[in-house]
PDB file of N, CA and C in Angstrom:
ATOM      1  N   MET A   1    -221.397  -7.734  53.293  1.00  0.00           N
ATOM      2  CA  MET A   1    -220.473  -7.658  52.180  1.00  0.00           C
ATOM      3  C   MET A   1    -221.262  -7.979  50.909  1.00  0.00           C
ATOM      4  N   THR A   2    -221.141  -7.105  49.944  1.00  0.00           N
ATOM      5  CA  THR A   2    -221.888  -7.281  48.707  1.00  0.00           C
ATOM      6  C   THR A   2    -221.086  -8.107  47.706  1.00  0.00           C
ATOM      7  N   ASP A   3    -221.753  -8.457  46.616  1.00  0.00           N
ATOM      8  CA  ASP A   3    -221.076  -9.199  45.556  1.00  0.00           C
ATOM      9  C   ASP A   3    -219.950  -8.378  44.936  1.00  0.00           C
ATOM     10  N   ALA A   4    -220.149  -7.082  44.841  1.00  0.00           N
ATOM     11  CA  ALA A   4    -219.115  -6.205  44.277  1.00  0.00           C
ATOM     12  C   ALA A   4    -217.861  -6.204  45.151  1.00  0.00           C
ATOM     13  N   ASP A   5    -218.048  -6.238  46.468  1.00  0.00           N
ATOM     14  CA  ASP A   5    -216.899  -6.284  47.380  1.00  0.00           C
ATOM     15  C   ASP A   5    -216.113  -7.578  47.206  1.00  0.00           C
ATOM     16  N   VAL A   6    -216.837  -8.677  47.090  1.00  0.00           N
ATOM     17  CA  VAL A   6    -216.177  -9.975  46.919  1.00  0.00           C
ATOM     18  C   VAL A   6    -215.402 -10.006  45.604  1.00  0.00           C
ATOM     19  N   LEU A   7    -216.009  -9.501  44.538  1.00  0.00           N
ATOM     20  CA  LEU A   7    -215.324  -9.464  43.245  1.00  0.00           C
ATOM     21  C   LEU A   7    -214.105  -8.547  43.283  1.00  0.00           C
ATOM     22  N   ASP A   8    -214.206  -7.434  43.996  1.00  0.00           N
ATOM     23  CA  ASP A   8    -213.078  -6.517  44.102  1.00  0.00           C
ATOM     24  C   ASP A   8    -211.929  -7.150  44.877  1.00  0.00           C
ATOM     25  N   ILE A   9    -212.245  -7.852  45.952  1.00  0.00           N
ATOM     26  CA  ILE A   9    -211.205  -8.540  46.725  1.00  0.00           C
ATOM     27  C   ILE A   9    -210.560  -9.640  45.887  1.00  0.00           C
ATOM     28  N   ALA A  10    -211.367 -10.383  45.134  1.00  0.00           N
ATOM     29  CA  ALA A  10    -210.819 -11.438  44.278  1.00  0.00           C
ATOM     30  C   ALA A  10    -209.924 -10.846  43.195  1.00  0.00           C
ATOM     31  N   ARG A  11    -210.346  -9.715  42.620  1.00  0.00           N
ATOM     32  CA  ARG A  11    -209.520  -9.059  41.590  1.00  0.00           C
ATOM     33  C   ARG A  11    -208.193  -8.599  42.174  1.00  0.00           C
ATOM     34  N   GLN A  12    -208.250  -8.010  43.374  1.00  0.00           N
ATOM     35  CA  GLN A  12    -207.020  -7.568  44.020  1.00  0.00           C
ATOM     36  C   GLN A  12    -206.119  -8.745  44.383  1.00  0.00           C
ATOM     37  N   ALA A  13    -206.708  -9.858  44.798  1.00  0.00           N
ATOM     38  CA  ALA A  13    -205.912 -11.040  45.139  1.00  0.00           C
ATOM     39  C   ALA A  13    -205.196 -11.584  43.903  1.00  0.00           C
ATOM     40  N   ILE A  14    -205.875 -11.603  42.768  1.00  0.00           N
ATOM     41  CA  ILE A  14    -205.240 -12.064  41.531  1.00  0.00           C
ATOM     42  C   ILE A  14    -204.124 -11.117  41.128  1.00  0.00           C
ATOM     43  N   LEU A  15    -204.360  -9.813  41.266  1.00  0.00           N
ATOM     44  CA  LEU A  15    -203.328  -8.827  40.929  1.00  0.00           C
ATOM     45  C   LEU A  15    -202.109  -8.977  41.835  1.00  0.00           C
ATOM     46  N   VAL A  16    -202.334  -9.192  43.126  1.00  0.00           N
ATOM     47  CA  VAL A  16    -201.228  -9.387  44.072  1.00  0.00           C
ATOM     48  C   VAL A  16    -200.449 -10.654  43.713  1.00  0.00           C
ATOM     49  N   ALA A  17    -201.162 -11.720  43.358  1.00  0.00           N
ATOM     50  CA  ALA A  17    -200.478 -12.961  42.970  1.00  0.00           C
ATOM     51  C   ALA A  17    -199.615 -12.746  41.729  1.00  0.00           C
ATOM     52  N   LEU A  18    -200.116 -11.991  40.768  1.00  0.00           N
ATOM     53  CA  LEU A  18    -199.327 -11.697  39.566  1.00  0.00           C
ATOM     54  C   LEU A  18    -198.131 -10.806  39.890  1.00  0.00           C
ATOM     55  N   LEU A  19    -198.332  -9.832  40.755  1.00  0.00           N
ATOM     56  CA  LEU A  19    -197.224  -8.954  41.131  1.00  0.00           C
ATOM     57  C   LEU A  19    -196.144  -9.692  41.904  1.00  0.00           C
ATOM     58  N   MET A  20    -196.540 -10.659  42.699  1.00  0.00           N
ATOM     59  CA  MET A  20    -195.560 -11.401  43.480  1.00  0.00           C
ATOM     60  C   MET A  20    -194.835 -12.442  42.644  1.00  0.00           C
ATOM     61  N   GLY A  21    -195.527 -13.109  41.759  1.00  0.00           N
ATOM     62  CA  GLY A  21    -194.907 -14.169  40.976  1.00  0.00           C
ATOM     63  C   GLY A  21    -194.288 -13.704  39.673  1.00  0.00           C
ATOM     64  N   GLY A  22    -194.766 -12.579  39.160  1.00  0.00           N
ATOM     65  CA  GLY A  22    -194.324 -12.101  37.858  1.00  0.00           C
ATOM     66  C   GLY A  22    -192.834 -11.852  37.709  1.00  0.00           C
ATOM     67  N   PRO A  23    -192.221 -11.081  38.603  1.00  0.00           N
ATOM     68  CA  PRO A  23    -190.787 -10.807  38.432  1.00  0.00           C
ATOM     69  C   PRO A  23    -189.920 -12.064  38.478  1.00  0.00           C
ATOM     70  N   VAL A  24    -190.246 -12.988  39.352  1.00  0.00           N
ATOM     71  CA  VAL A  24    -189.448 -14.216  39.460  1.00  0.00           C
ATOM     72  C   VAL A  24    -189.637 -15.080  38.213  1.00  0.00           C
ATOM     73  N   MET A  25    -190.883 -15.187  37.746  1.00  0.00           N
ATOM     74  CA  MET A  25    -191.133 -15.978  36.538  1.00  0.00           C
ATOM     75  C   MET A  25    -190.498 -15.329  35.305  1.00  0.00           C
ATOM     76  N   LEU A  26    -190.519 -14.008  35.255  1.00  0.00           N
ATOM     77  CA  LEU A  26    -189.896 -13.311  34.135  1.00  0.00           C
ATOM     78  C   LEU A  26    -188.386 -13.519  34.129  1.00  0.00           C
ATOM     79  N   ALA A  27    -187.767 -13.497  35.305  1.00  0.00           N
ATOM     80  CA  ALA A  27    -186.326 -13.750  35.389  1.00  0.00           C
ATOM     81  C   ALA A  27    -186.004 -15.174  34.944  1.00  0.00           C
ATOM     82  N   GLY A  28    -186.822 -16.139  35.361  1.00  0.00           N
ATOM     83  CA  GLY A  28    -186.620 -17.522  34.925  1.00  0.00           C
ATOM     84  C   GLY A  28    -186.827 -17.686  33.427  1.00  0.00           C
ATOM     85  N   LEU A  29    -187.816 -16.980  32.891  1.00  0.00           N
ATOM     86  CA  LEU A  29    -188.073 -17.043  31.448  1.00  0.00           C
ATOM     87  C   LEU A  29    -186.910 -16.464  30.657  1.00  0.00           C
ATOM     88  N   LEU A  30    -186.424 -15.308  31.075  1.00  0.00           N
ATOM     89  CA  LEU A  30    -185.300 -14.695  30.376  1.00  0.00           C
ATOM     90  C   LEU A  30    -184.049 -15.563  30.462  1.00  0.00           C
ATOM     91  N   ALA A  31    -183.805 -16.146  31.623  1.00  0.00           N
ATOM     92  CA  ALA A  31    -182.648 -17.036  31.767  1.00  0.00           C
ATOM     93  C   ALA A  31    -182.793 -18.247  30.856  1.00  0.00           C
ATOM     94  N   GLY A  32    -183.994 -18.808  30.791  1.00  0.00           N
ATOM     95  CA  GLY A  32    -184.227 -19.967  29.928  1.00  0.00           C
ATOM     96  C   GLY A  32    -184.020 -19.648  28.458  1.00  0.00           C
ATOM     97  N   VAL A  33    -184.488 -18.481  28.030  1.00  0.00           N
ATOM     98  CA  VAL A  33    -184.327 -18.093  26.622  1.00  0.00           C
ATOM     99  C   VAL A  33    -182.854 -17.873  26.293  1.00  0.00           C
ATOM    100  N   ILE A  34    -182.142 -17.195  27.183  1.00  0.00           N
ATOM    101  CA  ILE A  34    -180.715 -16.934  26.938  1.00  0.00           C
ATOM    102  C   ILE A  34    -179.927 -18.241  26.906  1.00  0.00           C
ATOM    103  N   ILE A  35    -180.205 -19.132  27.846  1.00  0.00           N
ATOM    104  CA  ILE A  35    -179.485 -20.402  27.898  1.00  0.00           C
ATOM    105  C   ILE A  35    -179.825 -21.252  26.686  1.00  0.00           C
ATOM    106  N   SER A  36    -181.089 -21.260  26.280  1.00  0.00           N
ATOM    107  CA  SER A  36    -181.481 -22.020  25.093  1.00  0.00           C
ATOM    108  C   SER A  36    -180.823 -21.468  23.838  1.00  0.00           C
ATOM    109  N   LEU A  37    -180.716 -20.158  23.773  1.00  0.00           N
ATOM    110  CA  LEU A  37    -180.042 -19.536  22.630  1.00  0.00           C
ATOM    111  C   LEU A  37    -178.566 -19.926  22.596  1.00  0.00           C
ATOM    112  N   LEU A  38    -177.918 -19.890  23.753  1.00  0.00           N
ATOM    113  CA  LEU A  38    -176.511 -20.300  23.811  1.00  0.00           C
ATOM    114  C   LEU A  38    -176.349 -21.777  23.467  1.00  0.00           C
ATOM    115  N   GLN A  39    -177.285 -22.605  23.909  1.00  0.00           N
ATOM    116  CA  GLN A  39    -177.209 -24.032  23.585  1.00  0.00           C
ATOM    117  C   GLN A  39    -177.402 -24.275  22.099  1.00  0.00           C
ATOM    118  N   SER A  40    -178.304 -23.532  21.492  1.00  0.00           N
ATOM    119  CA  SER A  40    -178.520 -23.746  20.062  1.00  0.00           C
ATOM    120  C   SER A  40    -177.352 -23.224  19.229  1.00  0.00           C
ATOM    121  N   ILE A  41    -176.696 -22.169  19.705  1.00  0.00           N
ATOM    122  CA  ILE A  41    -175.529 -21.645  18.978  1.00  0.00           C
ATOM    123  C   ILE A  41    -174.361 -22.616  19.086  1.00  0.00           C
ATOM    124  N   THR A  42    -174.130 -23.134  20.287  1.00  0.00           N
ATOM    125  CA  THR A  42    -172.982 -24.019  20.486  1.00  0.00           C
ATOM    126  C   THR A  42    -173.310 -25.490  20.260  1.00  0.00           C
ATOM    127  N   GLN A  43    -174.584 -25.828  20.064  1.00  0.00           N
ATOM    128  CA  GLN A  43    -175.062 -27.190  19.850  1.00  0.00           C
ATOM    129  C   GLN A  43    -174.710 -28.124  21.019  1.00  0.00           C
ATOM    130  N   ILE A  44    -174.769 -27.585  22.223  1.00  0.00           N
ATOM    131  CA  ILE A  44    -174.566 -28.387  23.429  1.00  0.00           C
ATOM    132  C   ILE A  44    -175.948 -28.699  23.996  1.00  0.00           C
ATOM    133  N   ASN A  45    -176.279 -29.966  24.134  1.00  0.00           N
ATOM    134  CA  ASN A  45    -177.591 -30.361  24.636  1.00  0.00           C
ATOM    135  C   ASN A  45    -177.447 -31.063  25.981  1.00  0.00           C
ATOM    136  N   GLU A  46    -177.073 -30.329  26.979  1.00  0.00           N
ATOM    137  CA  GLU A  46    -176.909 -30.875  28.317  1.00  0.00           C
ATOM    138  C   GLU A  46    -178.038 -30.328  29.194  1.00  0.00           C
ATOM    139  N   MET A  47    -178.790 -31.226  29.850  1.00  0.00           N
ATOM    140  CA  MET A  47    -179.942 -30.799  30.645  1.00  0.00           C
ATOM    141  C   MET A  47    -179.530 -30.014  31.888  1.00  0.00           C
ATOM    142  N   THR A  48    -178.426 -30.398  32.512  1.00  0.00           N
ATOM    143  CA  THR A  48    -178.011 -29.675  33.718  1.00  0.00           C
ATOM    144  C   THR A  48    -177.556 -28.260  33.383  1.00  0.00           C
ATOM    145  N   LEU A  49    -177.148 -28.046  32.141  1.00  0.00           N
ATOM    146  CA  LEU A  49    -176.740 -26.712  31.720  1.00  0.00           C
ATOM    147  C   LEU A  49    -177.919 -25.750  31.730  1.00  0.00           C
ATOM    148  N   THR A  50    -179.125 -26.253  31.519  1.00  0.00           N
ATOM    149  CA  THR A  50    -180.294 -25.380  31.581  1.00  0.00           C
ATOM    150  C   THR A  50    -180.838 -25.264  32.998  1.00  0.00           C
ATOM    151  N   PHE A  51    -180.804 -26.342  33.742  1.00  0.00           N
ATOM    152  CA  PHE A  51    -181.450 -26.359  35.054  1.00  0.00           C
ATOM    153  C   PHE A  51    -180.691 -25.554  36.099  1.00  0.00           C
ATOM    154  N   VAL A  52    -179.418 -25.767  36.225  1.00  0.00           N
ATOM    155  CA  VAL A  52    -178.642 -25.143  37.299  1.00  0.00           C
ATOM    156  C   VAL A  52    -178.617 -23.617  37.195  1.00  0.00           C
ATOM    157  N   PRO A  53    -178.293 -23.026  36.044  1.00  0.00           N
ATOM    158  CA  PRO A  53    -178.312 -21.553  35.986  1.00  0.00           C
ATOM    159  C   PRO A  53    -179.708 -20.966  36.196  1.00  0.00           C
ATOM    160  N   LYS A  54    -180.736 -21.654  35.674  1.00  0.00           N
ATOM    161  CA  LYS A  54    -182.084 -21.140  35.854  1.00  0.00           C
ATOM    162  C   LYS A  54    -182.495 -21.144  37.321  1.00  0.00           C
ATOM    163  N   ILE A  55    -182.196 -22.205  38.032  1.00  0.00           N
ATOM    164  CA  ILE A  55    -182.581 -22.266  39.444  1.00  0.00           C
ATOM    165  C   ILE A  55    -181.786 -21.252  40.259  1.00  0.00           C
ATOM    166  N   LEU A  56    -180.521 -21.035  39.908  1.00  0.00           N
ATOM    167  CA  LEU A  56    -179.731 -20.013  40.603  1.00  0.00           C
ATOM    168  C   LEU A  56    -180.294 -18.618  40.358  1.00  0.00           C
ATOM    169  N   ILE A  57    -180.679 -18.331  39.127  1.00  0.00           N
ATOM    170  CA  ILE A  57    -181.239 -17.017  38.806  1.00  0.00           C
ATOM    171  C   ILE A  57    -182.574 -16.822  39.507  1.00  0.00           C
ATOM    172  N   ILE A  58    -183.374 -17.876  39.605  1.00  0.00           N
ATOM    173  CA  ILE A  58    -184.651 -17.774  40.306  1.00  0.00           C
ATOM    174  C   ILE A  58    -184.424 -17.515  41.792  1.00  0.00           C
ATOM    175  N   PHE A  59    -183.467 -18.196  42.410  1.00  0.00           N
ATOM    176  CA  PHE A  59    -183.174 -17.953  43.821  1.00  0.00           C
ATOM    177  C   PHE A  59    -182.644 -16.541  44.043  1.00  0.00           C
ATOM    178  N   ILE A  60    -181.775 -16.079  43.168  1.00  0.00           N
ATOM    179  CA  ILE A  60    -181.241 -14.720  43.292  1.00  0.00           C
ATOM    180  C   ILE A  60    -182.349 -13.689  43.107  1.00  0.00           C
ATOM    181  N   SER A  61    -183.238 -13.916  42.136  1.00  0.00           N
ATOM    182  CA  SER A  61    -184.335 -12.971  41.926  1.00  0.00           C
ATOM    183  C   SER A  61    -185.303 -12.983  43.110  1.00  0.00           C
ATOM    184  N   LEU A  62    -185.472 -14.149  43.745  1.00  0.00           N
ATOM    185  CA  LEU A  62    -186.293 -14.185  44.959  1.00  0.00           C
ATOM    186  C   LEU A  62    -185.679 -13.319  46.054  1.00  0.00           C
ATOM    187  N   LEU A  63    -184.367 -13.387  46.210  1.00  0.00           N
ATOM    188  CA  LEU A  63    -183.700 -12.550  47.210  1.00  0.00           C
ATOM    189  C   LEU A  63    -183.811 -11.069  46.880  1.00  0.00           C
ATOM    190  N   VAL A  64    -183.697 -10.746  45.590  1.00  0.00           N
ATOM    191  CA  VAL A  64    -183.758  -9.341  45.176  1.00  0.00           C
ATOM    192  C   VAL A  64    -185.171  -8.781  45.334  1.00  0.00           C
ATOM    193  N   PHE A  65    -186.179  -9.558  44.912  1.00  0.00           N
ATOM    194  CA  PHE A  65    -187.553  -9.072  44.919  1.00  0.00           C
ATOM    195  C   PHE A  65    -188.295  -9.348  46.228  1.00  0.00           C
ATOM    196  N   LEU A  66    -187.659  -9.974  47.204  1.00  0.00           N
ATOM    197  CA  LEU A  66    -188.329 -10.304  48.451  1.00  0.00           C
ATOM    198  C   LEU A  66    -188.869  -9.075  49.184  1.00  0.00           C
ATOM    199  N   PRO A  67    -188.136  -7.963  49.280  1.00  0.00           N
ATOM    200  CA  PRO A  67    -188.724  -6.786  49.949  1.00  0.00           C
ATOM    201  C   PRO A  67    -189.979  -6.268  49.235  1.00  0.00           C
ATOM    202  N   PHE A  68    -189.950  -6.235  47.908  1.00  0.00           N
ATOM    203  CA  PHE A  68    -191.119  -5.807  47.139  1.00  0.00           C
ATOM    204  C   PHE A  68    -192.290  -6.751  47.370  1.00  0.00           C
ATOM    205  N   MET A  69    -192.016  -8.052  47.366  1.00  0.00           N
ATOM    206  CA  MET A  69    -193.071  -9.035  47.560  1.00  0.00           C
ATOM    207  C   MET A  69    -193.664  -8.921  48.964  1.00  0.00           C
ATOM    208  N   LEU A  70    -192.816  -8.697  49.947  1.00  0.00           N
ATOM    209  CA  LEU A  70    -193.287  -8.554  51.324  1.00  0.00           C
ATOM    210  C   LEU A  70    -194.148  -7.307  51.483  1.00  0.00           C
ATOM    211  N   ASP A  71    -193.726  -6.194  50.879  1.00  0.00           N
ATOM    212  CA  ASP A  71    -194.528  -4.970  50.933  1.00  0.00           C
ATOM    213  C   ASP A  71    -195.883  -5.165  50.251  1.00  0.00           C
ATOM    214  N   THR A  72    -195.871  -5.845  49.120  1.00  0.00           N
ATOM    215  CA  THR A  72    -197.108  -6.063  48.372  1.00  0.00           C
ATOM    216  C   THR A  72    -198.099  -6.905  49.164  1.00  0.00           C
ATOM    217  N   ILE A  73    -197.641  -8.006  49.719  1.00  0.00           N
ATOM    218  CA  ILE A  73    -198.558  -8.868  50.465  1.00  0.00           C
ATOM    219  C   ILE A  73    -198.979  -8.211  51.780  1.00  0.00           C
ATOM    220  N   SER A  74    -198.093  -7.429  52.388  1.00  0.00           N
ATOM    221  CA  SER A  74    -198.449  -6.727  53.626  1.00  0.00           C
ATOM    222  C   SER A  74    -199.522  -5.667  53.364  1.00  0.00           C
ATOM    223  N   ASP A  75    -199.358  -4.907  52.296  1.00  0.00           N
ATOM    224  CA  ASP A  75    -200.356  -3.892  51.948  1.00  0.00           C
ATOM    225  C   ASP A  75    -201.714  -4.529  51.656  1.00  0.00           C
ATOM    226  N   PHE A  76    -201.704  -5.628  50.924  1.00  0.00           N
ATOM    227  CA  PHE A  76    -202.951  -6.319  50.608  1.00  0.00           C
ATOM    228  C   PHE A  76    -203.614  -6.847  51.878  1.00  0.00           C
ATOM    229  N   THR A  77    -202.821  -7.411  52.772  1.00  0.00           N
ATOM    230  CA  THR A  77    -203.365  -7.957  54.011  1.00  0.00           C
ATOM    231  C   THR A  77    -203.934  -6.854  54.896  1.00  0.00           C
ATOM    232  N   ARG A  78    -203.207  -5.737  55.008  1.00  0.00           N
ATOM    233  CA  ARG A  78    -203.715  -4.615  55.801  1.00  0.00           C
ATOM    234  C   ARG A  78    -205.035  -4.086  55.241  1.00  0.00           C
ATOM    235  N   GLU A  79    -205.090  -3.941  53.923  1.00  0.00           N
ATOM    236  CA  GLU A  79    -206.317  -3.449  53.294  1.00  0.00           C
ATOM    237  C   GLU A  79    -207.472  -4.429  53.501  1.00  0.00           C
ATOM    238  N   LEU A  80    -207.183  -5.712  53.423  1.00  0.00           N
ATOM    239  CA  LEU A  80    -208.220  -6.721  53.635  1.00  0.00           C
ATOM    240  C   LEU A  80    -208.711  -6.707  55.083  1.00  0.00           C
ATOM    241  N   ILE A  81    -207.805  -6.582  56.018  1.00  0.00           N
ATOM    242  CA  ILE A  81    -208.188  -6.515  57.435  1.00  0.00           C
ATOM    243  C   ILE A  81    -208.996  -5.239  57.709  1.00  0.00           C
ATOM    244  N   ASP A  82    -208.590  -4.116  57.101  1.00  0.00           N
ATOM    245  CA  ASP A  82    -209.351  -2.881  57.267  1.00  0.00           C
ATOM    246  C   ASP A  82    -210.767  -3.022  56.720  1.00  0.00           C
ATOM    247  N   ARG A  83    -210.921  -3.732  55.617  1.00  0.00           N
ATOM    248  CA  ARG A  83    -212.257  -3.955  55.066  1.00  0.00           C
ATOM    249  C   ARG A  83    -213.090  -4.838  56.000  1.00  0.00           C
ATOM    250  N   ILE A  84    -212.462  -5.850  56.565  1.00  0.00           N
ATOM    251  CA  ILE A  84    -213.180  -6.741  57.471  1.00  0.00           C
ATOM    252  C   ILE A  84    -213.603  -5.999  58.732  1.00  0.00           C
ATOM    253  N   VAL A  85    -212.703  -5.192  59.290  1.00  0.00           N
ATOM    254  CA  VAL A  85    -213.018  -4.426  60.496  1.00  0.00           C
ATOM    255  C   VAL A  85    -214.088  -3.380  60.194  1.00  0.00           C
ATOM    256  N   GLY A  86    -214.040  -2.801  59.009  1.00  0.00           N
ATOM    257  CA  GLY A  86    -215.025  -1.797  58.629  1.00  0.00           C
ATOM    258  C   GLY A  86    -216.419  -2.348  58.485  1.00  0.00           C
ATOM    259  N   LEU A  87    -216.545  -3.642  58.254  1.00  0.00           N
ATOM    260  CA  LEU A  87    -217.863  -4.245  58.111  1.00  0.00           C
ATOM    261  C   LEU A  87    -218.569  -4.429  59.453  1.00  0.00           C
ATOM    262  N   GLY A  88    -217.786  -4.640  60.492  1.00  0.00           N
ATOM    263  CA  GLY A  88    -218.366  -4.991  61.789  1.00  0.00           C
ATOM    264  C   GLY A  88    -218.915  -3.882  62.565  1.00  0.00           C
TER     265      GLY A  88
END
């Protein structure tokens, strides 16, 4: 295995990590911005008002994006195993 192969695998691993975490983090970010905007408009400063909806949206987005995340990690794993088998 050459240095280029190792760098390519590392690049793909970082891309897979971003693809898997990105949608869930984006949903949490959007929920946080919307809730913060509503709090600033209504001047309600309750901590549970931000935490509970955000955690619910993150759990729901995990359920929605789980098939995509599973396909992404499965494809990466298959490709990595094929590379390992191809070396031997």
